Amino acid sequence: MSYPLDGVRILELGQIIAGTYGSQVLSDLGAEVIKIETPIGDLGRIPSVAPINGLSGLFLTLNRNKKSISIDLKTEEGLGIFYSLVETADVVVDNFRPGVLKRLKIDYPVLKKLNNKIIQCSITGYGEEGEYANLPALDIIIQSISGYMAITGEPGRPPVRTGIPLADLSGGIFSCKGILAALYKREKTGEGSSISLSMFDGMLSLLNYLGTVWLTKGELPEKPGSSHMYSVPWQAFQCTDGYVVVATRQEVFWERLCTALNAEYLIKDDRFKDNPLRVENRDTLVPILEDLFAKKSVQDWIKILRDNEVPSAPVNNLDSAFSEPPVAEREMIVEYEHPEAGKVRLPGNPIKFTDMGPAISTPAPMLGEHTDEILSSILKLNKDEIKKLKDNNIIK
């Protein structure tokens, strides 16, 4: 049993979410990820963010399996240490503002001279150049400007963001893909790459067919709540003790739903005989369905709907979501023992290989926890050399 990215070394300059999530996913696949942190550490360490026993739950999640070395890159000696690590590495990831890499003398032209096989991946808000390049790019800002907040939530209600930091996570999602593509390219050509990712670009890509409809037809989507612009019924319905979702994309599922609801008469109603007509007459149909669903509990409806093979699910909060059978069946909860936070349980690796070893789950590192180990094992510095660097505040 092995891991597909065994032997790949990633130097992570990334912080918070956009610059850390991608390499965390790659660490689950066996990559060695070394966080290069300043003496004050990743901003994601701020303990008020999703606090767990005095530490940041955000940091504990996104930095599982990683090592931390704390270097002052603004010093000549610190920069030299980083350069030496680059010579041994495969990938360097950052989510700095445009221009920072060049000011620190760690941009791609510099790294390539040190290691012509290096893959450098930069995640920014809007790209390295252009009118918006230097604008702040926090998650809610990107969700807003990319159109998501205008199409999320209930009709007639104020804008809302998605319940997860999707814009930040998009940086990690696409950086992971880009790095894997660059590693494959390097296998064929022997050459490294410089990858430029923008969170704004990523979110536009994730708009998917809604973006196509606007760009092609000029048709703006509306806030759907839980419903669907092009399929009816496809939404949440209130039951006696919660909500259940149904999705009837094909006519067979609509007919099965009517049978499950003991409302076969709806199948024969000319207003609802196919999906285009149901979309056209949703304001008539949905209240009928709402009255029917209001008569039973969520679990009663789930059993009936599943017995009739209707696509359906309860609207779970996280307590129920993490109790569903596939969570245990697919090992989607992992844990580790952290020296300060204690036992931490967190979502696991969604990418399964049949020949991959057991889930990797080592604690998110303390600031500079692996500095001595990395300097001695990778760069072969002795104890006196390491002590001198500490005494001069080059490392922590």
Protein backbone atom coordinates (compact mmCIF):
# COMPACT_ATOMS: atom_id res chain seq x y z
CA MET A 1 0.00 0.00 0.00
CA SER A 2 1.32 3.42 -0.92
CA TYR A 3 0.20 6.97 -1.67
CA PRO A 4 0.06 8.48 -5.18
CA LEU A 5 2.06 11.57 -4.19
CA ASP A 6 4.75 9.82 -2.16
CA GLY A 7 8.02 11.73 -2.63
CA VAL A 8 6.42 15.05 -3.64
CA ARG A 9 7.56 17.95 -1.47
CA ILE A 10 5.45 21.12 -1.31
CA LEU A 11 6.62 24.36 0.27
CA GLU A 12 3.53 26.24 1.39
CA LEU A 13 3.73 30.00 1.76
CA GLY A 14 -0.05 30.10 1.71
CA GLN A 15 -2.19 31.36 4.54
CA ILE A 16 -5.72 31.06 5.92
CA ILE A 17 -7.85 29.07 3.37
CA ALA A 18 -7.18 29.88 -0.29
CA GLY A 19 -3.47 29.18 0.05
CA THR A 20 -3.75 26.14 2.33
CA TYR A 21 -6.70 23.98 1.31
CA GLY A 22 -5.19 22.71 -1.95
CA SER A 23 -1.98 21.46 -0.37
CA GLN A 24 -3.95 19.93 2.51
CA VAL A 25 -5.81 17.81 -0.05
CA LEU A 26 -2.48 16.89 -1.65
CA SER A 27 -1.09 15.91 1.77
CA ASP A 28 -3.94 13.39 2.09
CA LEU A 29 -2.57 11.82 -1.09
CA GLY A 30 0.89 11.48 0.39
CA ALA A 31 2.66 14.76 -0.44
CA GLU A 32 5.02 16.18 2.17
CA VAL A 33 3.85 19.72 2.90
CA ILE A 34 6.19 22.13 4.70
CA LYS A 35 4.60 25.39 5.81
CA ILE A 36 7.02 28.30 5.54
CA GLU A 37 5.71 30.65 8.23
CA THR A 38 6.80 34.07 9.37
CA PRO A 39 7.81 34.49 13.04
CA ILE A 40 4.17 35.45 13.81
CA GLY A 41 2.75 32.56 11.80
CA ASP A 42 -0.08 31.93 9.35
CA LEU A 43 -2.92 34.44 9.86
CA GLY A 44 -5.20 31.42 9.99
CA ARG A 45 -3.83 30.75 13.48
CA ILE A 46 -5.90 33.61 14.97
CA PRO A 47 -7.68 31.74 17.79
CA SER A 48 -10.98 33.61 17.52
CA VAL A 49 -11.74 31.93 14.17
CA ALA A 50 -13.86 28.80 14.82
CA PRO A 51 -12.22 28.42 18.27
CA ILE A 52 -11.41 24.97 19.65
CA ASN A 53 -9.81 24.90 23.08
CA GLY A 54 -8.08 28.25 22.54
CA LEU A 55 -6.87 27.51 19.01
CA SER A 56 -8.27 28.22 15.56
CA GLY A 57 -10.47 25.40 14.25
CA LEU A 58 -9.78 26.77 10.78
CA PHE A 59 -6.04 26.25 11.22
CA LEU A 60 -6.47 22.84 12.86
CA THR A 61 -8.49 21.71 9.82
CA LEU A 62 -6.58 23.15 6.88
CA ASN A 63 -3.11 22.27 8.14
CA ARG A 64 -3.56 18.63 9.03
CA ASN A 65 -0.57 16.51 7.95
CA LYS A 66 1.74 19.51 7.49
CA LYS A 67 5.06 20.52 9.02
CA SER A 68 5.93 24.06 10.11
CA ILE A 69 9.20 25.90 9.83
CA SER A 70 9.33 29.54 10.88
CA ILE A 71 11.75 31.70 8.88
CA ASP A 72 12.17 35.45 8.55
CA LEU A 73 12.30 35.75 4.76
CA LYS A 74 13.10 39.45 5.04
CA THR A 75 16.61 38.60 6.21
CA GLU A 76 19.44 37.47 3.95
CA GLU A 77 20.03 34.35 6.02
CA GLY A 78 16.35 33.44 6.09
CA LEU A 79 16.09 33.87 2.36
CA GLY A 80 19.11 31.60 1.95
CA ILE A 81 17.38 28.87 3.97
CA PHE A 82 14.29 29.16 1.79
CA TYR A 83 16.39 28.99 -1.38
CA SER A 84 18.05 25.81 -0.10
CA LEU A 85 14.64 24.26 0.54
CA VAL A 86 13.47 25.22 -2.95
CA GLU A 87 16.37 23.24 -4.39
CA THR A 88 14.91 20.12 -2.74
CA ALA A 89 11.23 20.80 -3.46
CA ASP A 90 8.73 20.08 -6.20
CA VAL A 91 6.13 22.79 -5.58
CA VAL A 92 5.88 26.24 -3.97
CA VAL A 93 2.38 27.56 -3.19
CA ASP A 94 1.39 31.07 -2.09
CA ASN A 95 -1.62 33.36 -1.89
CA PHE A 96 0.23 36.65 -1.45
CA ARG A 97 -0.93 39.89 -2.97
CA PRO A 98 0.53 40.70 -6.40
CA GLY A 99 4.08 42.01 -6.17
CA VAL A 100 4.95 40.41 -2.82
CA LEU A 101 6.86 37.49 -4.34
CA LYS A 102 9.04 39.84 -6.38
CA ARG A 103 9.70 42.11 -3.39
CA LEU A 104 10.75 39.09 -1.32
CA LYS A 105 12.93 37.82 -4.21
CA ILE A 106 11.04 34.53 -4.40
CA ASP A 107 9.12 34.92 -7.66
CA TYR A 108 9.21 32.24 -10.37
CA PRO A 109 12.20 33.55 -12.36
CA VAL A 110 14.27 33.41 -9.17
CA LEU A 111 12.99 29.97 -8.13
CA LYS A 112 13.54 28.54 -11.60
CA LYS A 113 17.23 29.48 -11.48
CA LEU A 114 17.50 27.50 -8.25
CA ASN A 115 15.50 24.53 -9.49
CA ASN A 116 14.40 24.36 -13.12
CA LYS A 117 11.86 21.67 -12.27
CA ILE A 118 10.08 23.71 -9.62
CA ILE A 119 6.31 24.24 -9.91
CA GLN A 120 5.20 27.59 -8.55
CA CYS A 121 1.49 28.22 -7.90
CA SER A 122 0.16 31.66 -6.95
CA ILE A 123 -3.45 32.23 -5.87
CA THR A 124 -4.67 35.82 -5.96
CA GLY A 125 -8.02 37.56 -5.85
CA TYR A 126 -8.13 38.88 -9.42
CA GLY A 127 -4.78 37.96 -10.99
CA GLU A 128 -1.29 39.44 -10.77
CA GLU A 129 -2.04 42.35 -13.11
CA GLY A 130 -5.00 44.45 -14.14
CA GLU A 131 -7.36 47.05 -12.73
CA TYR A 132 -8.43 44.98 -9.71
CA ALA A 133 -5.11 43.29 -8.97
CA ASN A 134 -4.47 45.12 -5.70
CA LEU A 135 -8.02 45.13 -4.34
CA PRO A 136 -8.67 43.13 -1.15
CA ALA A 137 -10.08 39.71 -1.97
CA LEU A 138 -11.77 38.26 1.11
CA ASP A 139 -14.21 35.41 0.59
CA ILE A 140 -17.39 37.47 0.95
CA ILE A 141 -15.98 40.11 -1.43
CA ILE A 142 -15.37 37.53 -4.14
CA GLN A 143 -18.73 35.83 -3.54
CA SER A 144 -20.38 39.23 -3.96
CA ILE A 145 -18.57 40.48 -7.05
CA SER A 146 -18.74 37.14 -8.87
CA GLY A 147 -22.54 37.03 -8.73
CA TYR A 148 -23.09 34.33 -6.12
CA MET A 149 -24.76 36.49 -3.49
CA ALA A 150 -27.27 37.76 -6.07
CA ILE A 151 -28.42 34.21 -6.83
CA THR A 152 -28.29 32.68 -3.33
CA GLY A 153 -31.16 32.80 -0.87
CA GLU A 154 -34.92 33.24 -1.02
CA PRO A 155 -36.68 35.48 -3.57
CA GLY A 156 -37.32 38.96 -2.24
CA ARG A 157 -34.88 38.55 0.64
CA PRO A 158 -31.51 40.34 1.18
CA PRO A 159 -28.34 38.85 -0.33
CA VAL A 160 -26.71 35.94 1.49
CA ARG A 161 -23.40 34.19 1.02
CA THR A 162 -23.01 30.43 0.79
CA GLY A 163 -22.71 28.64 4.12
CA ILE A 164 -19.08 27.71 3.42
CA PRO A 165 -16.25 30.04 2.28
CA LEU A 166 -16.64 28.88 -1.30
CA ALA A 167 -14.53 31.64 -2.89
CA ASP A 168 -11.59 30.89 -0.62
CA LEU A 169 -12.02 27.16 -1.13
CA SER A 170 -12.12 27.67 -4.91
CA GLY A 171 -8.52 28.85 -4.69
CA GLY A 172 -7.58 25.58 -3.04
CA ILE A 173 -9.69 23.46 -5.38
CA PHE A 174 -8.17 24.90 -8.55
CA SER A 175 -4.62 25.10 -7.14
CA CYS A 176 -4.81 21.39 -6.39
CA LYS A 177 -5.88 20.67 -9.97
CA GLY A 178 -3.25 22.97 -11.43
CA ILE A 179 -0.45 21.44 -9.38
CA LEU A 180 -1.42 17.91 -10.36
CA ALA A 181 -1.51 18.92 -14.03
CA ALA A 182 1.92 20.58 -13.69
CA LEU A 183 3.36 17.47 -12.06
CA TYR A 184 2.05 15.38 -14.97
CA LYS A 185 3.44 17.88 -17.49
CA ARG A 186 6.83 17.72 -15.75
CA GLU A 187 6.84 13.93 -16.08
CA LYS A 188 6.52 14.35 -19.86
CA THR A 189 8.76 17.38 -20.41
CA GLY A 190 11.08 17.53 -17.41
CA GLU A 191 10.19 21.20 -16.97
CA GLY A 192 8.59 23.10 -14.13
CA SER A 193 5.72 25.56 -14.43
CA SER A 194 4.36 28.80 -13.08
CA ILE A 195 0.62 28.61 -12.33
CA SER A 196 -1.52 31.73 -11.95
CA LEU A 197 -4.90 31.29 -10.27
CA SER A 198 -7.50 33.89 -9.37
CA MET A 199 -10.37 33.28 -6.94
CA PHE A 200 -12.57 35.46 -9.13
CA ASP A 201 -11.76 33.28 -12.16
CA GLY A 202 -12.48 30.16 -10.14
CA MET A 203 -15.88 31.40 -9.03
CA LEU A 204 -16.82 32.40 -12.59
CA SER A 205 -15.90 28.89 -13.72
CA LEU A 206 -18.06 27.37 -10.99
CA LEU A 207 -21.06 29.39 -12.20
CA ASN A 208 -21.07 26.78 -14.93
CA TYR A 209 -24.25 26.61 -17.03
CA LEU A 210 -25.79 29.66 -15.35
CA GLY A 211 -22.88 31.67 -16.73
CA THR A 212 -23.40 30.13 -20.16
CA VAL A 213 -27.09 31.05 -20.21
CA TRP A 214 -26.31 34.67 -19.32
CA LEU A 215 -23.42 34.98 -21.77
CA THR A 216 -25.36 33.33 -24.60
CA LYS A 217 -28.96 34.41 -24.05
CA GLY A 218 -28.64 37.40 -21.72
CA GLU A 219 -30.93 35.66 -19.22
CA LEU A 220 -30.23 36.51 -15.57
CA PRO A 221 -30.96 33.84 -12.94
CA GLU A 222 -33.12 34.69 -9.96
CA LYS A 223 -32.69 33.64 -6.35
CA PRO A 224 -34.12 30.13 -6.28
CA GLY A 225 -34.19 29.40 -2.55
CA SER A 226 -34.01 25.62 -2.60
CA SER A 227 -35.87 25.34 -5.90
CA HIS A 228 -34.57 24.93 -9.45
CA MET A 229 -35.11 27.27 -12.40
CA TYR A 230 -35.57 24.42 -14.87
CA SER A 231 -37.03 21.50 -12.89
CA VAL A 232 -40.22 21.23 -10.80
CA PRO A 233 -40.55 19.87 -8.18
CA TRP A 234 -36.92 20.24 -7.15
CA GLN A 235 -36.80 21.83 -3.69
CA ALA A 236 -37.29 21.48 0.04
CA PHE A 237 -40.74 20.89 1.52
CA GLN A 238 -41.66 21.44 5.15
CA CYS A 239 -42.81 18.41 7.13
CA THR A 240 -44.15 18.26 10.69
CA ASP A 241 -40.65 18.33 12.21
CA GLY A 242 -38.26 19.60 9.52
CA TYR A 243 -37.70 19.63 5.79
CA VAL A 244 -37.25 17.04 3.08
CA VAL A 245 -35.85 17.62 -0.41
CA VAL A 246 -37.07 15.95 -3.59
CA ALA A 247 -35.61 16.18 -7.08
CA THR A 248 -37.63 14.93 -10.05
CA ARG A 249 -35.54 15.62 -13.12
CA GLN A 250 -37.01 12.75 -15.16
CA GLU A 251 -40.73 12.12 -15.68
CA VAL A 252 -40.42 8.69 -14.08
CA PHE A 253 -39.44 10.36 -10.81
CA TRP A 254 -42.40 12.73 -11.01
CA GLU A 255 -44.75 9.78 -11.41
CA ARG A 256 -43.11 7.94 -8.52
CA LEU A 257 -43.44 11.03 -6.35
CA CYS A 258 -47.16 11.28 -7.09
CA THR A 259 -47.55 7.62 -6.15
CA ALA A 260 -45.58 8.15 -2.91
CA LEU A 261 -47.80 11.12 -2.03
CA ASN A 262 -50.92 9.08 -2.83
CA ALA A 263 -51.72 11.79 -5.38
CA GLU A 264 -51.77 9.94 -8.68
CA TYR A 265 -54.40 12.37 -9.90
CA LEU A 266 -51.61 14.92 -10.40
CA ILE A 267 -50.06 12.72 -13.09
CA LYS A 268 -53.19 13.09 -15.19
CA ASP A 269 -53.53 16.84 -14.64
CA ASP A 270 -52.80 18.55 -17.98
CA ARG A 271 -51.14 21.44 -16.16
CA PHE A 272 -48.43 19.14 -14.79
CA LYS A 273 -48.07 16.43 -17.45
CA ASP A 274 -44.45 17.29 -18.27
CA ASN A 275 -41.65 19.28 -16.72
CA PRO A 276 -41.95 22.41 -18.93
CA LEU A 277 -45.60 22.68 -17.90
CA ARG A 278 -44.75 22.10 -14.25
CA VAL A 279 -42.19 24.91 -14.46
CA GLU A 280 -44.80 27.14 -16.08
CA ASN A 281 -47.37 26.25 -13.40
CA ARG A 282 -45.08 25.96 -10.38
CA ASP A 283 -47.10 28.57 -8.45
CA THR A 284 -50.11 26.28 -8.64
CA LEU A 285 -48.33 22.95 -8.13
CA VAL A 286 -45.97 23.78 -5.28
CA PRO A 287 -48.71 24.79 -2.78
CA ILE A 288 -50.48 21.48 -3.47
CA LEU A 289 -47.29 19.57 -2.73
CA GLU A 290 -46.60 21.69 0.35
CA ASP A 291 -49.98 20.72 1.82
CA LEU A 292 -49.27 17.04 1.24
CA PHE A 293 -45.77 17.08 2.75
CA ALA A 294 -46.99 18.99 5.82
CA LYS A 295 -48.92 15.92 7.02
CA LYS A 296 -46.01 13.64 8.00
CA SER A 297 -42.60 13.73 9.67
CA VAL A 298 -39.28 13.85 7.83
CA GLN A 299 -38.43 10.22 8.63
CA ASP A 300 -41.88 9.03 7.56
CA TRP A 301 -41.52 10.78 4.21
CA ILE A 302 -37.94 9.61 3.69
CA LYS A 303 -39.01 5.99 4.12
CA ILE A 304 -41.98 6.40 1.78
CA LEU A 305 -39.98 8.29 -0.84
CA ARG A 306 -37.07 5.86 -0.80
CA ASP A 307 -39.42 2.89 -0.92
CA ASN A 308 -40.82 4.46 -4.11
CA GLU A 309 -37.30 5.24 -5.45
CA VAL A 310 -37.86 8.99 -5.46
CA PRO A 311 -34.61 11.04 -5.24
CA SER A 312 -34.91 12.55 -1.77
CA ALA A 313 -33.03 13.50 1.37
CA PRO A 314 -33.61 15.12 4.73
CA VAL A 315 -32.32 18.67 5.16
CA ASN A 316 -29.61 17.80 7.68
CA ASN A 317 -27.65 20.04 9.93
CA LEU A 318 -24.11 18.86 10.61
CA ASP A 319 -25.10 16.65 13.56
CA SER A 320 -27.20 14.51 11.25
CA ALA A 321 -24.95 14.87 8.19
CA PHE A 322 -22.00 13.30 10.02
CA SER A 323 -24.27 10.53 11.31
CA GLU A 324 -25.32 9.29 7.87
CA PRO A 325 -24.08 5.76 7.02
CA PRO A 326 -21.68 6.73 4.18
CA VAL A 327 -19.61 8.76 6.67
CA ALA A 328 -18.47 5.63 8.50
CA GLU A 329 -18.54 3.44 5.41
CA ARG A 330 -16.13 5.73 3.59
CA GLU A 331 -14.04 6.84 6.59
CA MET A 332 -14.98 10.49 6.22
CA ILE A 333 -14.11 11.36 9.82
CA VAL A 334 -10.47 11.34 10.85
CA GLU A 335 -8.90 12.47 14.10
CA TYR A 336 -5.60 13.36 15.68
CA GLU A 337 -4.28 14.25 19.11
CA HIS A 338 -3.05 17.84 19.26
CA PRO A 339 -0.65 18.89 22.06
CA GLU A 340 -2.81 21.89 23.00
CA ALA A 341 -6.26 21.35 21.49
CA GLY A 342 -6.50 17.70 22.53
CA LYS A 343 -8.43 15.25 20.36
CA VAL A 344 -9.53 16.88 17.09
CA ARG A 345 -12.07 15.15 14.86
CA LEU A 346 -12.41 16.52 11.34
CA PRO A 347 -13.61 15.71 7.81
CA GLY A 348 -11.51 13.12 6.03
CA ASN A 349 -10.06 12.59 2.57
CA PRO A 350 -12.75 12.28 -0.16
CA ILE A 351 -10.32 10.93 -2.79
CA LYS A 352 -10.08 7.15 -2.49
CA PHE A 353 -7.56 4.94 -4.28
CA THR A 354 -8.06 1.18 -4.04
CA ASP A 355 -4.33 0.64 -3.47
CA MET A 356 -3.73 3.60 -1.13
CA GLY A 357 -2.69 3.18 2.48
CA PRO A 358 -4.81 4.18 5.48
CA ALA A 359 -5.94 7.77 5.97
CA ILE A 360 -3.12 10.14 6.91
CA SER A 361 -4.01 12.33 9.88
CA THR A 362 -1.24 14.04 11.78
CA PRO A 363 -1.79 17.15 13.92
CA ALA A 364 -1.74 20.64 12.48
CA PRO A 365 1.70 21.91 13.53
CA MET A 366 2.60 24.34 16.26
CA LEU A 367 4.38 27.41 14.89
CA GLY A 368 7.91 26.38 13.94
CA GLU A 369 7.41 22.91 15.41
CA HIS A 370 9.49 21.20 12.73
CA THR A 371 12.14 23.88 12.20
CA ASP A 372 14.99 21.89 13.76
CA GLU A 373 13.91 18.67 12.07
CA ILE A 374 13.72 20.24 8.61
CA LEU A 375 17.01 22.11 8.91
CA SER A 376 18.87 19.07 10.16
CA SER A 377 17.29 16.31 8.04
CA ILE A 378 16.79 18.17 4.75
CA LEU A 379 19.46 20.88 4.79
CA LYS A 380 21.93 18.93 6.98
CA LEU A 381 22.64 21.82 9.36
CA ASN A 382 24.25 20.90 12.67
CA LYS A 383 23.06 21.93 16.14
CA ASP A 384 25.47 24.86 16.39
CA GLU A 385 24.38 26.26 13.03
CA ILE A 386 20.71 25.97 14.02
CA LYS A 387 21.36 27.60 17.40
CA LYS A 388 23.09 30.53 15.74
CA LEU A 389 20.10 31.07 13.44
CA LYS A 390 17.78 31.05 16.45
CA ASP A 391 19.96 33.43 18.41
CA ASN A 392 19.90 35.86 15.48
CA ASN A 393 16.09 35.56 15.16
CA ILE A 394 16.34 34.16 11.64
CA ILE A 395 14.26 31.13 12.59
CA LYS A 396 11.81 30.27 15.35
